[in-house]
Protein backbone atom coordinates (compact mmCIF):
# COMPACT_ATOMS: atom_id res chain seq x y z
CA MET A 1 -21.14 -2.98 -6.79
CA PHE A 2 -17.78 -4.76 -6.69
CA THR A 3 -16.74 -2.73 -9.61
CA GLY A 4 -17.50 0.28 -7.76
CA GLU A 5 -15.67 -0.40 -5.27
CA ILE A 6 -12.43 -1.41 -6.56
CA LYS A 7 -12.98 1.80 -8.03
CA ARG A 8 -13.40 3.16 -4.57
CA GLY A 9 -10.22 1.72 -3.36
CA VAL A 10 -8.54 1.78 -6.96
CA VAL A 11 -9.05 5.44 -8.24
CA THR A 12 -10.69 8.06 -5.85
CA GLU A 13 -9.85 6.91 -2.69
CA ASN A 14 -5.96 5.78 -3.70
CA PRO A 15 -4.49 5.24 0.51
CA ILE A 16 -1.40 6.84 -1.51
CA LEU A 17 -2.11 9.29 -4.16
CA ILE A 18 -4.87 10.10 -3.51
CA LEU A 19 -5.11 9.62 0.63
CA ALA A 20 -1.44 10.39 1.37
CA LEU A 21 -0.90 7.09 3.28
CA GLY A 22 1.90 5.12 4.46
CA LEU A 23 3.58 6.78 2.13
CA CYS A 24 7.02 5.38 4.35
CA PRO A 25 6.96 1.67 3.03
CA ALA A 26 5.86 3.24 -0.15
CA LEU A 27 8.92 5.86 -0.47
CA ALA A 28 11.54 2.70 0.92
CA VAL A 29 10.10 -0.43 -0.77
CA SER A 30 9.32 1.43 -4.48
CA THR A 31 12.98 0.30 -5.90
CA SER A 32 12.13 -2.61 -8.03
CA VAL A 33 8.45 -3.91 -9.65
CA GLN A 34 9.23 -6.81 -7.02
CA ASN A 35 9.62 -5.54 -3.91
CA GLY A 36 6.19 -2.83 -4.22
CA VAL A 37 4.17 -5.90 -5.62
CA GLY A 38 5.62 -7.46 -2.34
CA MET A 39 4.94 -4.96 0.15
CA GLY A 40 1.32 -3.93 -1.70
CA LEU A 41 0.36 -7.49 -1.42
CA ALA A 42 1.45 -8.51 2.62
CA ALA A 43 -0.02 -5.05 3.02
CA THR A 44 -2.87 -6.22 2.05
CA PHE A 45 -3.40 -9.01 3.75
CA VAL A 46 -2.42 -7.78 7.08
CA LEU A 47 -5.32 -4.94 5.87
CA ILE A 48 -8.32 -8.64 5.30
CA CYS A 49 -7.94 -10.24 7.90
CA SER A 50 -6.98 -7.25 11.27
CA ASN A 51 -10.59 -5.20 8.99
CA VAL A 52 -12.81 -8.43 8.93
CA ILE A 53 -11.14 -9.76 12.87
CA VAL A 54 -11.73 -5.95 13.94
CA SER A 55 -15.30 -5.84 12.57
CA ILE A 56 -16.14 -9.19 14.07
CA ILE A 57 -15.52 -8.24 18.36
CA LYS A 58 -16.30 -4.81 17.77
CA GLY A 59 -18.54 -4.92 19.85
CA TRP A 60 -16.17 -6.57 22.91
CA ILE A 61 -14.06 -3.73 22.85
CA PRO A 62 -14.51 -1.23 25.50
CA GLU A 63 -14.60 2.72 23.24
CA LYS A 64 -11.37 3.28 25.53
CA VAL A 65 -8.80 0.90 24.65
CA ARG A 66 -9.66 0.03 21.25
CA ILE A 67 -6.86 1.98 19.69
CA PRO A 68 -4.49 -0.31 21.75
CA CYS A 69 -7.01 -3.70 20.67
CA TYR A 70 -6.26 -2.82 16.84
CA ILE A 71 -2.58 -2.37 17.28
CA VAL A 72 -2.45 -5.62 19.09
CA ILE A 73 -4.49 -7.39 16.48
CA ILE A 74 -2.58 -5.83 13.10
CA ALA A 75 0.88 -6.49 14.97
CA THR A 76 -0.41 -10.93 14.65
CA PHE A 77 -1.52 -10.83 12.03
CA VAL A 78 1.79 -9.28 10.86
CA SER A 79 3.59 -11.64 12.74
CA ILE A 80 1.73 -14.10 11.02
CA LEU A 81 3.22 -12.98 7.24
CA GLN A 82 7.44 -12.27 8.48
CA LEU A 83 6.73 -15.92 9.68
CA ILE A 84 4.71 -16.94 6.81
CA LEU A 85 7.28 -14.26 4.68
CA GLN A 86 10.67 -16.45 6.29
CA ALA A 87 9.55 -20.09 5.60
CA ASN A 88 8.28 -19.10 2.07
CA PHE A 89 10.36 -16.42 0.40
CA PRO A 90 12.91 -15.25 1.85
CA ALA A 91 14.20 -13.10 -0.36
CA LEU A 92 11.50 -11.00 -0.21
CA ASN A 93 11.64 -10.36 3.59
CA ARG A 94 15.51 -9.77 3.47
CA GLN A 95 14.76 -7.24 0.73
CA LEU A 96 11.38 -5.22 2.86
CA GLY A 97 13.28 -5.61 5.99
CA ILE A 98 12.05 -3.51 8.97
CA PHE A 99 8.83 -2.52 7.20
CA ILE A 100 7.56 -6.30 7.17
CA PRO A 101 6.72 -5.74 11.13
CA LEU A 102 6.28 -1.25 10.73
CA ILE A 103 3.62 -2.63 9.42
CA VAL A 104 1.66 -2.82 12.50
CA VAL A 105 1.90 1.27 12.66
CA ASN A 106 0.92 1.46 9.27
CA CYS A 107 -1.60 4.43 9.19
CA MET A 108 -3.58 3.65 6.25
CA ILE A 109 -4.32 0.13 8.21
CA LEU A 110 -5.59 1.43 11.22
CA GLY A 111 -7.01 3.65 9.62
CA ARG A 112 -9.49 1.25 8.68
CA ALA A 113 -9.75 -0.55 11.14
CA GLU A 114 -10.84 2.51 13.41
CA ALA A 115 -12.90 4.37 9.73
CA PHE A 116 -14.56 1.78 8.39
CA ALA A 117 -14.42 -1.88 9.95
CA SER A 118 -15.32 -0.73 13.75
CA LYS A 119 -18.20 0.60 11.80
CA SER A 120 -19.45 -2.40 9.08
CA ASN A 121 -20.60 -5.38 8.86
CA PRO A 122 -17.53 -8.71 8.21
CA PHE A 123 -18.57 -9.60 5.00
CA ARG A 124 -18.78 -5.23 4.30
CA SER A 125 -15.22 -5.32 6.02
CA LEU A 126 -13.47 -7.63 3.81
CA LEU A 127 -14.32 -6.45 0.51
CA ASP A 128 -13.19 -2.69 1.16
CA GLY A 129 -9.47 -4.07 2.92
CA LEU A 130 -9.13 -6.36 -0.46
CA VAL A 131 -9.96 -2.94 -2.83
CA MET A 132 -7.62 -0.55 -0.36
CA GLY A 133 -4.89 -3.55 -0.84
CA LEU A 134 -5.51 -3.38 -3.98
CA GLY A 135 -5.20 0.10 -4.27
CA PHE A 136 -2.40 0.42 -1.95
CA THR A 137 -0.64 -2.67 -4.34
CA PHE A 138 -1.49 -0.87 -7.78
CA ALA A 139 -0.25 2.74 -6.63
CA LEU A 140 2.98 0.72 -5.37
CA LEU A 141 2.94 -1.03 -9.23
CA ILE A 142 3.49 2.69 -11.17
CA LEU A 143 5.89 3.66 -8.81
CA SER A 144 8.13 0.92 -8.76
CA ALA A 145 8.53 0.76 -12.61
CA ILE A 146 8.91 4.31 -13.11
CA ARG A 147 11.85 4.42 -10.88
CA GLU A 148 12.97 1.25 -10.96
CA LEU A 149 12.71 1.94 -15.01
CA LEU A 150 14.14 5.19 -14.69
CA GLY A 151 16.72 4.56 -12.31
CA SER A 152 18.18 0.86 -13.63
CA ASN A 153 16.67 0.53 -16.79
CA LYS A 154 16.05 -2.57 -15.88
CA LEU A 155 11.82 -4.19 -14.98
CA ALA A 156 11.24 -6.62 -12.45
CA GLY A 157 15.10 -7.41 -13.11
CA LEU A 158 14.70 -7.68 -17.12
CA LEU A 159 16.74 -4.87 -18.84
CA VAL A 160 14.70 -2.49 -21.12
CA ILE A 161 16.32 -0.53 -23.15
CA PRO A 162 19.65 -1.37 -24.83
CA ARG A 163 22.41 1.57 -24.32
CA PHE A 164 20.10 4.22 -22.35
CA GLU A 165 22.17 5.87 -19.47
CA PRO A 166 19.30 4.99 -16.23
CA MET A 167 18.99 8.40 -13.39
CA THR A 168 20.12 6.41 -10.54
CA ALA A 169 18.39 8.97 -8.38
CA PHE A 170 15.85 7.51 -9.21
CA ILE A 171 16.40 3.97 -7.27
CA LEU A 172 17.37 6.48 -3.85
CA ALA A 173 14.84 8.52 -1.61
CA PRO A 174 15.37 11.34 -4.01
CA GLY A 175 13.61 9.79 -6.75
CA GLY A 176 10.82 8.01 -4.88
CA PHE A 177 9.00 11.89 -4.32
CA PHE A 178 9.97 12.88 -7.83
CA ALA A 179 7.72 9.88 -8.58
CA ILE A 180 5.38 10.07 -6.34
CA ALA A 181 5.04 13.80 -7.10
CA LEU A 182 5.24 13.76 -10.64
CA VAL A 183 2.40 10.88 -10.33
CA MET A 184 0.56 12.57 -7.65
CA GLY A 185 0.41 15.95 -10.25
CA LEU A 186 -0.92 14.57 -13.16
CA ILE A 187 -3.85 12.94 -11.17
CA ASN A 188 -4.37 15.77 -10.31
CA HIS A 189 -4.10 17.49 -13.55
CA PHE A 190 -6.81 15.64 -15.01
CA ARG A 191 -8.93 15.13 -12.00
CA LEU A 192 -9.37 18.85 -12.32
CA LYS A 193 -9.44 18.71 -16.38
CA LYS A 194 -12.60 16.72 -16.00
CA GLU A 195 -14.41 18.92 -13.10
CA GLY A 196 -14.09 21.57 -15.72
CA VAL A 197 -11.29 23.54 -12.88
CA SER A 198 -8.30 25.35 -14.21
CA PRO A 199 -5.30 24.08 -13.30
């Protein structure tokens, strides 16, 4: 069961690479592996906590105000997260900047609260938050590794290939689009090939 759930979050329903959710932070912070993994873990924390709370109190939230209630719950955990980052990881907090508060309106987190946690029990909601967060972090890791390697010839801040001339465009916004398009194109190519469909 757990293996199937991980496959669902990381591969078949990957929030970024398959569902194309949460693309704004993916494009903005995936300029280095440290930033990408940091953003992925931050979003995972908020996703797990908000999913569990929404699942627990779903029966007490009136139907007409459910979305504002979900946003208040998510904003609470984003505030907690930002205080933790400011106290313990100030450099990462500065690097991620405005994209930490913007987790409040991340469509992936709000979408999971509405589509899954509001209809499931707390354990299944926790598991969904964990596997979707892992999928989000995995996608950011791949994108940031491609961009950092091609854009600055480094991985996690370490020089990779001596005398390789990096392509600066990959650490700029267009490089984010190129990297996402490349990875999505490869995934679709292999998926269609597996299904026996000519691309």
